[in-house]
Amino acid sequence: MSERTATIASRVGLHARPASIFAEAAAELGIEVSISRQGESAQEALDASSMLALMSLGAEHGDVVVLRADGPDADDALTALARILETDHDA
């Protein structure tokens, strides 16, 4: 299983627009990607392609999240998704 951490860069956190951009990108990958707050177990991870799951995560600006995925292209996929989270989409 591949894993990446990312720091939420959007000023409003992972809400509305940034969550929509991220969920759409995660859904297009064709692999299951999970997201959780740093320090939470993999069992507490949520579906990264679900807008509702992302909103319920409650990740704020500066929070660190953990992305996890399995598959042949998981490393590249997680790197691309981390880049989305580390971009301020509210600027």
PDB file of N, CA and C in Angstrom:
ATOM      1  N   MET A   1       0.850  -1.180   0.000  1.00  0.00           N
ATOM      2  CA  MET A   1       0.000   0.000   0.000  1.00  0.00           C
ATOM      3  C   MET A   1       0.887   1.231   0.000  1.00  0.00           C
ATOM      4  N   SER A   2       0.591   2.165  -0.879  1.00  0.00           N
ATOM      5  CA  SER A   2       1.316   3.434  -0.939  1.00  0.00           C
ATOM      6  C   SER A   2       0.654   4.444  -0.017  1.00  0.00           C
ATOM      7  N   GLU A   3       1.450   5.352   0.468  1.00  0.00           N
ATOM      8  CA  GLU A   3       0.954   6.348   1.410  1.00  0.00           C
ATOM      9  C   GLU A   3       1.683   7.668   1.186  1.00  0.00           C
ATOM     10  N   ARG A   4       0.947   8.779   1.292  1.00  0.00           N
ATOM     11  CA  ARG A   4       1.525  10.121   1.189  1.00  0.00           C
ATOM     12  C   ARG A   4       0.861  11.011   2.226  1.00  0.00           C
ATOM     13  N   THR A   5       1.599  11.963   2.734  1.00  0.00           N
ATOM     14  CA  THR A   5       0.995  12.998   3.578  1.00  0.00           C
ATOM     15  C   THR A   5       0.936  14.280   2.758  1.00  0.00           C
ATOM     16  N   ALA A   6      -0.026  15.106   3.096  1.00  0.00           N
ATOM     17  CA  ALA A   6      -0.181  16.401   2.432  1.00  0.00           C
ATOM     18  C   ALA A   6      -0.729  17.392   3.446  1.00  0.00           C
ATOM     19  N   THR A   7      -0.323  18.624   3.312  1.00  0.00           N
ATOM     20  CA  THR A   7      -0.813  19.702   4.170  1.00  0.00           C
ATOM     21  C   THR A   7      -1.847  20.504   3.394  1.00  0.00           C
ATOM     22  N   ILE A   8      -3.014  20.687   3.981  1.00  0.00           N
ATOM     23  CA  ILE A   8      -4.107  21.413   3.320  1.00  0.00           C
ATOM     24  C   ILE A   8      -3.702  22.880   3.163  1.00  0.00           C
ATOM     25  N   ALA A   9      -3.649  23.330   1.910  1.00  0.00           N
ATOM     26  CA  ALA A   9      -3.183  24.693   1.628  1.00  0.00           C
ATOM     27  C   ALA A   9      -4.316  25.706   1.456  1.00  0.00           C
ATOM     28  N   SER A  10      -5.505  25.258   1.059  1.00  0.00           N
ATOM     29  CA  SER A  10      -6.603  26.205   0.831  1.00  0.00           C
ATOM     30  C   SER A  10      -6.991  26.890   2.129  1.00  0.00           C
ATOM     31  N   ARG A  11      -7.196  28.181   2.042  1.00  0.00           N
ATOM     32  CA  ARG A  11      -7.495  28.985   3.233  1.00  0.00           C
ATOM     33  C   ARG A  11      -8.762  28.555   3.950  1.00  0.00           C
ATOM     34  N   VAL A  12      -9.720  27.992   3.220  1.00  0.00           N
ATOM     35  CA  VAL A  12     -10.968  27.552   3.852  1.00  0.00           C
ATOM     36  C   VAL A  12     -10.921  26.069   4.207  1.00  0.00           C
ATOM     37  N   GLY A  13      -9.784  25.448   4.046  1.00  0.00           N
ATOM     38  CA  GLY A  13      -9.658  24.027   4.338  1.00  0.00           C
ATOM     39  C   GLY A  13     -10.203  23.182   3.209  1.00  0.00           C
ATOM     40  N   LEU A  14     -10.493  21.946   3.496  1.00  0.00           N
ATOM     41  CA  LEU A  14     -10.977  21.020   2.478  1.00  0.00           C
ATOM     42  C   LEU A  14     -12.501  21.079   2.431  1.00  0.00           C
ATOM     43  N   HIS A  15     -13.002  22.205   1.949  1.00  0.00           N
ATOM     44  CA  HIS A  15     -14.436  22.448   1.863  1.00  0.00           C
ATOM     45  C   HIS A  15     -14.786  22.914   0.463  1.00  0.00           C
ATOM     46  N   ALA A  16     -16.027  22.728   0.071  1.00  0.00           N
ATOM     47  CA  ALA A  16     -16.606  23.198  -1.184  1.00  0.00           C
ATOM     48  C   ALA A  16     -15.686  23.028  -2.391  1.00  0.00           C
ATOM     49  N   ARG A  17     -15.153  24.128  -2.893  1.00  0.00           N
ATOM     50  CA  ARG A  17     -14.386  24.086  -4.144  1.00  0.00           C
ATOM     51  C   ARG A  17     -13.167  23.167  -4.069  1.00  0.00           C
ATOM     52  N   PRO A  18     -12.289  23.304  -3.064  1.00  0.00           N
ATOM     53  CA  PRO A  18     -11.126  22.416  -3.024  1.00  0.00           C
ATOM     54  C   PRO A  18     -11.518  20.939  -2.892  1.00  0.00           C
ATOM     55  N   ALA A  19     -12.559  20.649  -2.118  1.00  0.00           N
ATOM     56  CA  ALA A  19     -13.009  19.270  -1.950  1.00  0.00           C
ATOM     57  C   ALA A  19     -13.557  18.720  -3.266  1.00  0.00           C
ATOM     58  N   SER A  20     -14.265  19.548  -3.993  1.00  0.00           N
ATOM     59  CA  SER A  20     -14.820  19.130  -5.277  1.00  0.00           C
ATOM     60  C   SER A  20     -13.707  18.807  -6.271  1.00  0.00           C
ATOM     61  N   ILE A  21     -12.717  19.665  -6.355  1.00  0.00           N
ATOM     62  CA  ILE A  21     -11.578  19.445  -7.259  1.00  0.00           C
ATOM     63  C   ILE A  21     -10.866  18.152  -6.888  1.00  0.00           C
ATOM     64  N   PHE A  22     -10.633  17.946  -5.598  1.00  0.00           N
ATOM     65  CA  PHE A  22      -9.916  16.765  -5.130  1.00  0.00           C
ATOM     66  C   PHE A  22     -10.728  15.489  -5.364  1.00  0.00           C
ATOM     67  N   ALA A  23     -12.007  15.501  -5.012  1.00  0.00           N
ATOM     68  CA  ALA A  23     -12.857  14.312  -5.166  1.00  0.00           C
ATOM     69  C   ALA A  23     -12.952  13.901  -6.631  1.00  0.00           C
ATOM     70  N   GLU A  24     -13.088  14.862  -7.517  1.00  0.00           N
ATOM     71  CA  GLU A  24     -13.164  14.567  -8.949  1.00  0.00           C
ATOM     72  C   GLU A  24     -11.868  13.921  -9.441  1.00  0.00           C
ATOM     73  N   ALA A  25     -10.742  14.463  -9.025  1.00  0.00           N
ATOM     74  CA  ALA A  25      -9.446  13.901  -9.428  1.00  0.00           C
ATOM     75  C   ALA A  25      -9.268  12.493  -8.881  1.00  0.00           C
ATOM     76  N   ALA A  26      -9.668  12.265  -7.641  1.00  0.00           N
ATOM     77  CA  ALA A  26      -9.543  10.938  -7.031  1.00  0.00           C
ATOM     78  C   ALA A  26     -10.437   9.927  -7.752  1.00  0.00           C
ATOM     79  N   ALA A  27     -11.632  10.341  -8.128  1.00  0.00           N
ATOM     80  CA  ALA A  27     -12.573   9.446  -8.804  1.00  0.00           C
ATOM     81  C   ALA A  27     -12.073   9.049 -10.191  1.00  0.00           C
ATOM     82  N   GLU A  28     -11.364   9.935 -10.856  1.00  0.00           N
ATOM     83  CA  GLU A  28     -10.885   9.673 -12.211  1.00  0.00           C
ATOM     84  C   GLU A  28      -9.704   8.701 -12.262  1.00  0.00           C
ATOM     85  N   LEU A  29      -9.100   8.406 -11.133  1.00  0.00           N
ATOM     86  CA  LEU A  29      -7.896   7.574 -11.118  1.00  0.00           C
ATOM     87  C   LEU A  29      -8.147   6.103 -11.423  1.00  0.00           C
ATOM     88  N   GLY A  30      -9.318   5.620 -11.106  1.00  0.00           N
ATOM     89  CA  GLY A  30      -9.613   4.218 -11.334  1.00  0.00           C
ATOM     90  C   GLY A  30      -9.078   3.286 -10.255  1.00  0.00           C
ATOM     91  N   ILE A  31      -8.573   3.838  -9.163  1.00  0.00           N
ATOM     92  CA  ILE A  31      -8.143   3.044  -8.013  1.00  0.00           C
ATOM     93  C   ILE A  31      -8.791   3.635  -6.769  1.00  0.00           C
ATOM     94  N   GLU A  32      -8.923   2.804  -5.734  1.00  0.00           N
ATOM     95  CA  GLU A  32      -9.499   3.298  -4.487  1.00  0.00           C
ATOM     96  C   GLU A  32      -8.446   4.075  -3.713  1.00  0.00           C
ATOM     97  N   VAL A  33      -8.818   5.287  -3.327  1.00  0.00           N
ATOM     98  CA  VAL A  33      -7.928   6.148  -2.551  1.00  0.00           C
ATOM     99  C   VAL A  33      -8.656   6.513  -1.269  1.00  0.00           C
ATOM    100  N   SER A  34      -7.957   6.414  -0.159  1.00  0.00           N
ATOM    101  CA  SER A  34      -8.556   6.812   1.121  1.00  0.00           C
ATOM    102  C   SER A  34      -7.812   8.015   1.684  1.00  0.00           C
ATOM    103  N   ILE A  35      -8.495   8.737   2.558  1.00  0.00           N
ATOM    104  CA  ILE A  35      -7.924   9.924   3.184  1.00  0.00           C
ATOM    105  C   ILE A  35      -8.298   9.915   4.664  1.00  0.00           C
ATOM    106  N   SER A  36      -7.364  10.329   5.490  1.00  0.00           N
ATOM    107  CA  SER A  36      -7.621  10.458   6.926  1.00  0.00           C
ATOM    108  C   SER A  36      -6.739  11.569   7.476  1.00  0.00           C
ATOM    109  N   ARG A  37      -7.081  12.027   8.655  1.00  0.00           N
ATOM    110  CA  ARG A  37      -6.223  12.997   9.330  1.00  0.00           C
ATOM    111  C   ARG A  37      -4.982  12.271   9.826  1.00  0.00           C
ATOM    112  N   GLN A  38      -3.874  12.956   9.846  1.00  0.00           N
ATOM    113  CA  GLN A  38      -2.645  12.361  10.353  1.00  0.00           C
ATOM    114  C   GLN A  38      -2.869  11.935  11.800  1.00  0.00           C
ATOM    115  N   GLY A  39      -2.418  10.740  12.140  1.00  0.00           N
ATOM    116  CA  GLY A  39      -2.580  10.212  13.482  1.00  0.00           C
ATOM    117  C   GLY A  39      -3.760   9.265  13.618  1.00  0.00           C
ATOM    118  N   GLU A  40      -4.656   9.249  12.631  1.00  0.00           N
ATOM    119  CA  GLU A  40      -5.778   8.322  12.658  1.00  0.00           C
ATOM    120  C   GLU A  40      -5.363   7.021  11.996  1.00  0.00           C
ATOM    121  N   SER A  41      -5.994   5.936  12.368  1.00  0.00           N
ATOM    122  CA  SER A  41      -5.664   4.631  11.798  1.00  0.00           C
ATOM    123  C   SER A  41      -6.251   4.497  10.394  1.00  0.00           C
ATOM    124  N   ALA A  42      -5.735   3.529   9.664  1.00  0.00           N
ATOM    125  CA  ALA A  42      -6.241   3.262   8.319  1.00  0.00           C
ATOM    126  C   ALA A  42      -7.718   2.866   8.356  1.00  0.00           C
ATOM    127  N   GLN A  43      -8.164   2.280   9.462  1.00  0.00           N
ATOM    128  CA  GLN A  43      -9.566   1.895   9.586  1.00  0.00           C
ATOM    129  C   GLN A  43     -10.498   3.111   9.664  1.00  0.00           C
ATOM    130  N   GLU A  44      -9.978   4.246  10.052  1.00  0.00           N
ATOM    131  CA  GLU A  44     -10.776   5.462  10.145  1.00  0.00           C
ATOM    132  C   GLU A  44     -10.765   6.266   8.848  1.00  0.00           C
ATOM    133  N   ALA A  45     -10.026   5.786   7.855  1.00  0.00           N
ATOM    134  CA  ALA A  45      -9.889   6.500   6.588  1.00  0.00           C
ATOM    135  C   ALA A  45     -11.213   6.520   5.829  1.00  0.00           C
ATOM    136  N   LEU A  46     -11.405   7.567   5.057  1.00  0.00           N
ATOM    137  CA  LEU A  46     -12.625   7.779   4.286  1.00  0.00           C
ATOM    138  C   LEU A  46     -12.332   7.689   2.793  1.00  0.00           C
ATOM    139  N   ASP A  47     -13.366   7.496   2.004  1.00  0.00           N
ATOM    140  CA  ASP A  47     -13.255   7.425   0.552  1.00  0.00           C
ATOM    141  C   ASP A  47     -12.904   8.814   0.005  1.00  0.00           C
ATOM    142  N   ALA A  48     -11.735   8.931  -0.618  1.00  0.00           N
ATOM    143  CA  ALA A  48     -11.259  10.224  -1.108  1.00  0.00           C
ATOM    144  C   ALA A  48     -12.039  10.733  -2.321  1.00  0.00           C
ATOM    145  N   SER A  49     -12.796   9.870  -2.970  1.00  0.00           N
ATOM    146  CA  SER A  49     -13.561  10.311  -4.138  1.00  0.00           C
ATOM    147  C   SER A  49     -14.971  10.765  -3.769  1.00  0.00           C
ATOM    148  N   SER A  50     -15.298  10.716  -2.493  1.00  0.00           N
ATOM    149  CA  SER A  50     -16.627  11.108  -2.019  1.00  0.00           C
ATOM    150  C   SER A  50     -16.606  12.523  -1.453  1.00  0.00           C
ATOM    151  N   MET A  51     -17.360  13.398  -2.084  1.00  0.00           N
ATOM    152  CA  MET A  51     -17.456  14.785  -1.622  1.00  0.00           C
ATOM    153  C   MET A  51     -17.974  14.836  -0.179  1.00  0.00           C
ATOM    154  N   LEU A  52     -18.964  14.027   0.144  1.00  0.00           N
ATOM    155  CA  LEU A  52     -19.519  14.013   1.500  1.00  0.00           C
ATOM    156  C   LEU A  52     -18.481  13.552   2.521  1.00  0.00           C
ATOM    157  N   ALA A  53     -17.708  12.524   2.158  1.00  0.00           N
ATOM    158  CA  ALA A  53     -16.669  12.035   3.064  1.00  0.00           C
ATOM    159  C   ALA A  53     -15.622  13.125   3.297  1.00  0.00           C
ATOM    160  N   LEU A  54     -15.232  13.809   2.239  1.00  0.00           N
ATOM    161  CA  LEU A  54     -14.229  14.875   2.381  1.00  0.00           C
ATOM    162  C   LEU A  54     -14.739  15.992   3.286  1.00  0.00           C
ATOM    163  N   MET A  55     -15.999  16.362   3.119  1.00  0.00           N
ATOM    164  CA  MET A  55     -16.568  17.427   3.944  1.00  0.00           C
ATOM    165  C   MET A  55     -16.648  16.987   5.410  1.00  0.00           C
ATOM    166  N   SER A  56     -16.943  15.701   5.643  1.00  0.00           N
ATOM    167  CA  SER A  56     -17.056  15.220   7.021  1.00  0.00           C
ATOM    168  C   SER A  56     -15.692  15.082   7.695  1.00  0.00           C
ATOM    169  N   LEU A  57     -14.636  15.030   6.910  1.00  0.00           N
ATOM    170  CA  LEU A  57     -13.290  14.950   7.465  1.00  0.00           C
ATOM    171  C   LEU A  57     -12.971  16.205   8.284  1.00  0.00           C
ATOM    172  N   GLY A  58     -13.486  17.346   7.856  1.00  0.00           N
ATOM    173  CA  GLY A  58     -13.295  18.589   8.597  1.00  0.00           C
ATOM    174  C   GLY A  58     -11.861  19.109   8.575  1.00  0.00           C
ATOM    175  N   ALA A  59     -11.114  18.795   7.526  1.00  0.00           N
ATOM    176  CA  ALA A  59      -9.719  19.238   7.446  1.00  0.00           C
ATOM    177  C   ALA A  59      -9.651  20.741   7.188  1.00  0.00           C
ATOM    178  N   GLU A  60      -8.905  21.423   8.019  1.00  0.00           N
ATOM    179  CA  GLU A  60      -8.753  22.879   7.935  1.00  0.00           C
ATOM    180  C   GLU A  60      -7.397  23.243   7.332  1.00  0.00           C
ATOM    181  N   HIS A  61      -7.245  24.508   7.000  1.00  0.00           N
ATOM    182  CA  HIS A  61      -5.970  25.023   6.482  1.00  0.00           C
ATOM    183  C   HIS A  61      -4.840  24.651   7.448  1.00  0.00           C
ATOM    184  N   GLY A  62      -3.785  24.041   6.908  1.00  0.00           N
ATOM    185  CA  GLY A  62      -2.633  23.668   7.722  1.00  0.00           C
ATOM    186  C   GLY A  62      -2.694  22.272   8.313  1.00  0.00           C
ATOM    187  N   ASP A  63      -3.857  21.622   8.257  1.00  0.00           N
ATOM    188  CA  ASP A  63      -3.963  20.246   8.753  1.00  0.00           C
ATOM    189  C   ASP A  63      -3.205  19.303   7.827  1.00  0.00           C
ATOM    190  N   VAL A  64      -2.658  18.255   8.401  1.00  0.00           N
ATOM    191  CA  VAL A  64      -1.962  17.231   7.625  1.00  0.00           C
ATOM    192  C   VAL A  64      -2.888  16.026   7.493  1.00  0.00           C
ATOM    193  N   VAL A  65      -3.021  15.542   6.249  1.00  0.00           N
ATOM    194  CA  VAL A  65      -3.841  14.374   5.980  1.00  0.00           C
ATOM    195  C   VAL A  65      -2.965  13.277   5.373  1.00  0.00           C
ATOM    196  N   VAL A  66      -3.454  12.051   5.461  1.00  0.00           N
ATOM    197  CA  VAL A  66      -2.737  10.896   4.914  1.00  0.00           C
ATOM    198  C   VAL A  66      -3.579  10.300   3.801  1.00  0.00           C
ATOM    199  N   LEU A  67      -2.970  10.125   2.641  1.00  0.00           N
ATOM    200  CA  LEU A  67      -3.609   9.492   1.494  1.00  0.00           C
ATOM    201  C   LEU A  67      -3.041   8.090   1.349  1.00  0.00           C
ATOM    202  N   ARG A  68      -3.915   7.116   1.069  1.00  0.00           N
ATOM    203  CA  ARG A  68      -3.474   5.736   0.890  1.00  0.00           C
ATOM    204  C   ARG A  68      -4.155   5.147  -0.343  1.00  0.00           C
ATOM    205  N   ALA A  69      -3.398   4.306  -1.071  1.00  0.00           N
ATOM    206  CA  ALA A  69      -3.954   3.626  -2.237  1.00  0.00           C
ATOM    207  C   ALA A  69      -3.123   2.391  -2.539  1.00  0.00           C
ATOM    208  N   ASP A  70      -3.749   1.468  -3.238  1.00  0.00           N
ATOM    209  CA  ASP A  70      -3.088   0.244  -3.686  1.00  0.00           C
ATOM    210  C   ASP A  70      -3.185   0.187  -5.201  1.00  0.00           C
ATOM    211  N   GLY A  71      -2.189  -0.370  -5.832  1.00  0.00           N
ATOM    212  CA  GLY A  71      -2.241  -0.551  -7.274  1.00  0.00           C
ATOM    213  C   GLY A  71      -0.926  -0.191  -7.924  1.00  0.00           C
ATOM    214  N   PRO A  72      -0.798  -0.540  -9.193  1.00  0.00           N
ATOM    215  CA  PRO A  72       0.476  -0.325  -9.886  1.00  0.00           C
ATOM    216  C   PRO A  72       0.870   1.144 -10.034  1.00  0.00           C
ATOM    217  N   ASP A  73      -0.091   2.033 -10.134  1.00  0.00           N
ATOM    218  CA  ASP A  73       0.213   3.454 -10.312  1.00  0.00           C
ATOM    219  C   ASP A  73      -0.099   4.269  -9.061  1.00  0.00           C
ATOM    220  N   ALA A  74      -0.205   3.610  -7.928  1.00  0.00           N
ATOM    221  CA  ALA A  74      -0.620   4.284  -6.691  1.00  0.00           C
ATOM    222  C   ALA A  74       0.343   5.398  -6.289  1.00  0.00           C
ATOM    223  N   ASP A  75       1.641   5.181  -6.417  1.00  0.00           N
ATOM    224  CA  ASP A  75       2.604   6.213  -6.017  1.00  0.00           C
ATOM    225  C   ASP A  75       2.403   7.499  -6.805  1.00  0.00           C
ATOM    226  N   ASP A  76       2.302   7.375  -8.122  1.00  0.00           N
ATOM    227  CA  ASP A  76       2.111   8.562  -8.964  1.00  0.00           C
ATOM    228  C   ASP A  76       0.763   9.219  -8.695  1.00  0.00           C
ATOM    229  N   ALA A  77      -0.256   8.400  -8.493  1.00  0.00           N
ATOM    230  CA  ALA A  77      -1.592   8.932  -8.223  1.00  0.00           C
ATOM    231  C   ALA A  77      -1.609   9.736  -6.926  1.00  0.00           C
ATOM    232  N   LEU A  78      -0.996   9.200  -5.889  1.00  0.00           N
ATOM    233  CA  LEU A  78      -0.981   9.899  -4.603  1.00  0.00           C
ATOM    234  C   LEU A  78      -0.149  11.174  -4.665  1.00  0.00           C
ATOM    235  N   THR A  79       0.913  11.154  -5.439  1.00  0.00           N
ATOM    236  CA  THR A  79       1.721  12.368  -5.606  1.00  0.00           C
ATOM    237  C   THR A  79       0.884  13.466  -6.262  1.00  0.00           C
ATOM    238  N   ALA A  80       0.130  13.098  -7.302  1.00  0.00           N
ATOM    239  CA  ALA A  80      -0.724  14.075  -7.987  1.00  0.00           C
ATOM    240  C   ALA A  80      -1.823  14.593  -7.062  1.00  0.00           C
ATOM    241  N   LEU A  81      -2.437  13.707  -6.280  1.00  0.00           N
ATOM    242  CA  LEU A  81      -3.489  14.136  -5.357  1.00  0.00           C
ATOM    243  C   LEU A  81      -2.929  15.017  -4.242  1.00  0.00           C
ATOM    244  N   ALA A  82      -1.762  14.689  -3.745  1.00  0.00           N
ATOM    245  CA  ALA A  82      -1.133  15.515  -2.701  1.00  0.00           C
ATOM    246  C   ALA A  82      -0.875  16.921  -3.229  1.00  0.00           C
ATOM    247  N   ARG A  83      -0.471  17.016  -4.483  1.00  0.00           N
ATOM    248  CA  ARG A  83      -0.231  18.322  -5.101  1.00  0.00           C
ATOM    249  C   ARG A  83      -1.508  19.171  -5.112  1.00  0.00           C
ATOM    250  N   ILE A  84      -2.645  18.518  -5.371  1.00  0.00           N
ATOM    251  CA  ILE A  84      -3.924  19.239  -5.365  1.00  0.00           C
ATOM    252  C   ILE A  84      -4.209  19.798  -3.979  1.00  0.00           C
ATOM    253  N   LEU A  85      -4.003  18.977  -2.951  1.00  0.00           N
ATOM    254  CA  LEU A  85      -4.262  19.430  -1.577  1.00  0.00           C
ATOM    255  C   LEU A  85      -3.308  20.525  -1.141  1.00  0.00           C
ATOM    256  N   GLU A  86      -2.103  20.515  -1.675  1.00  0.00           N
ATOM    257  CA  GLU A  86      -1.087  21.487  -1.276  1.00  0.00           C
ATOM    258  C   GLU A  86      -1.106  22.755  -2.131  1.00  0.00           C
ATOM    259  N   THR A  87      -2.199  22.937  -2.890  1.00  0.00           N
ATOM    260  CA  THR A  87      -2.417  24.132  -3.685  1.00  0.00           C
ATOM    261  C   THR A  87      -3.572  24.910  -3.071  1.00  0.00           C
ATOM    262  N   ASP A  88      -3.408  26.217  -2.930  1.00  0.00           N
ATOM    263  CA  ASP A  88      -4.493  27.056  -2.405  1.00  0.00           C
ATOM    264  C   ASP A  88      -5.464  27.367  -3.528  1.00  0.00           C
ATOM    265  N   HIS A  89      -6.586  26.662  -3.549  1.00  0.00           N
ATOM    266  CA  HIS A  89      -7.591  26.844  -4.606  1.00  0.00           C
ATOM    267  C   HIS A  89      -8.512  28.035  -4.321  1.00  0.00           C
ATOM    268  N   ASP A  90      -8.263  28.728  -3.249  1.00  0.00           N
ATOM    269  CA  ASP A  90      -9.073  29.898  -2.887  1.00  0.00           C
ATOM    270  C   ASP A  90      -8.348  31.203  -3.176  1.00  0.00           C
ATOM    271  N   ALA A  91      -7.141  31.108  -3.700  1.00  0.00           N
ATOM    272  CA  ALA A  91      -6.349  32.318  -3.957  1.00  0.00           C
ATOM    273  C   ALA A  91      -6.824  33.032  -5.200  1.00  0.00           C
TER     274      ALA A  91
END
